[in-house]
Amino acid sequence: MSVFIHIDILADALPFELAEQIVSLCPVEIFALQGQKLQVQEEREDECTLCDLCLNAAPAGALEIRKLYKDEKLVSRGTHE
């Protein structure tokens, strides 16, 4: 269970090709593919560096990163459809 960061994914909003891209973009390997869906490796969530690479790549609203220590939420803002 995460202490600092929690990531939510709206998997249906991410086509497989984009999910693959997000997995490869993450510098700390937080994301993985399960079948054709993007998922978070929960044991790695707190490794998130808040680099914004996934948030920029994902369609608007498809990813949310919650900072559990600060009551702040970051939401993807990419333009992919």
Protein backbone atom coordinates (compact mmCIF):
# COMPACT_ATOMS: atom_id res chain seq x y z
CA MET A 1 0.00 0.00 0.00
CA SER A 2 1.27 3.44 -0.93
CA VAL A 3 2.13 6.05 1.65
CA PHE A 4 2.83 9.11 -0.53
CA ILE A 5 1.33 8.56 -3.99
CA HIS A 6 -1.74 6.80 -5.39
CA ILE A 7 -2.33 6.46 -9.13
CA ASP A 8 -5.73 5.78 -10.67
CA ILE A 9 -6.13 4.67 -14.28
CA LEU A 10 -9.23 4.88 -16.46
CA ALA A 11 -8.02 1.90 -18.49
CA ASP A 12 -10.84 2.04 -21.03
CA ALA A 13 -9.60 5.48 -22.11
CA LEU A 14 -6.18 4.12 -23.08
CA PRO A 15 -5.75 2.18 -26.33
CA PHE A 16 -3.18 -0.62 -26.16
CA GLU A 17 -0.56 1.28 -28.18
CA LEU A 18 -0.76 4.23 -25.81
CA ALA A 19 -0.65 1.96 -22.76
CA GLU A 20 2.57 0.44 -24.16
CA GLN A 21 4.02 3.91 -24.63
CA ILE A 22 3.22 4.92 -21.05
CA VAL A 23 4.91 1.77 -19.72
CA SER A 24 8.08 2.62 -21.65
CA LEU A 25 7.99 6.32 -20.71
CA CYS A 26 7.99 5.82 -16.94
CA PRO A 27 11.56 6.18 -15.61
CA VAL A 28 10.79 4.20 -12.43
CA GLU A 29 8.70 1.38 -13.94
CA ILE A 30 5.47 2.09 -12.10
CA PHE A 31 3.28 0.89 -14.95
CA ALA A 32 2.89 -2.57 -16.50
CA LEU A 33 0.58 -4.21 -18.97
CA GLN A 34 -1.84 -6.88 -17.92
CA GLY A 35 -3.18 -8.31 -21.10
CA GLN A 36 -4.01 -5.23 -23.14
CA LYS A 37 -4.65 -2.95 -20.16
CA LEU A 38 -2.37 -0.54 -18.35
CA GLN A 39 -2.03 -1.16 -14.65
CA VAL A 40 -0.07 0.25 -11.73
CA GLN A 41 2.47 -1.91 -9.94
CA GLU A 42 1.26 -0.94 -6.47
CA GLU A 43 4.53 -1.81 -4.77
CA ARG A 44 6.22 0.85 -6.93
CA GLU A 45 3.70 3.73 -6.62
CA ASP A 46 5.73 5.59 -4.02
CA GLU A 47 8.68 5.60 -6.44
CA CYS A 48 6.83 8.14 -8.60
CA THR A 49 9.01 11.19 -9.25
CA LEU A 50 6.08 13.30 -10.52
CA CYS A 51 7.94 13.77 -13.81
CA ASP A 52 4.63 14.30 -15.71
CA LEU A 53 5.63 12.04 -18.63
CA CYS A 54 2.61 9.77 -18.17
CA LEU A 55 0.29 12.71 -17.54
CA ASN A 56 1.37 14.38 -20.77
CA ALA A 57 1.00 11.17 -22.80
CA ALA A 58 -2.36 9.96 -21.51
CA PRO A 59 -5.68 11.38 -22.74
CA ALA A 60 -7.22 14.08 -20.57
CA GLY A 61 -8.63 12.54 -17.40
CA ALA A 62 -7.34 9.00 -18.05
CA LEU A 63 -4.70 9.11 -15.29
CA GLU A 64 -4.82 10.69 -11.85
CA ILE A 65 -1.91 10.94 -9.47
CA ARG A 66 -2.92 11.76 -5.91
CA LYS A 67 -0.35 13.13 -3.52
CA LEU A 68 -1.53 11.51 -0.31
CA TYR A 69 0.66 13.79 1.79
CA LYS A 70 -0.71 17.04 0.36
CA ASP A 71 -4.36 16.60 -0.65
CA GLU A 72 -3.44 17.38 -4.24
CA LYS A 73 -4.42 15.60 -7.44
CA LEU A 74 -2.67 15.76 -10.81
CA VAL A 75 -4.74 14.75 -13.83
CA SER A 76 -3.56 13.74 -17.28
CA ARG A 77 -3.92 16.44 -19.86
CA GLY A 78 -2.74 14.79 -23.08
CA THR A 79 -4.62 15.29 -26.28
CA HIS A 80 -4.72 11.66 -27.45
CA GLU A 81 -8.12 10.25 -28.24
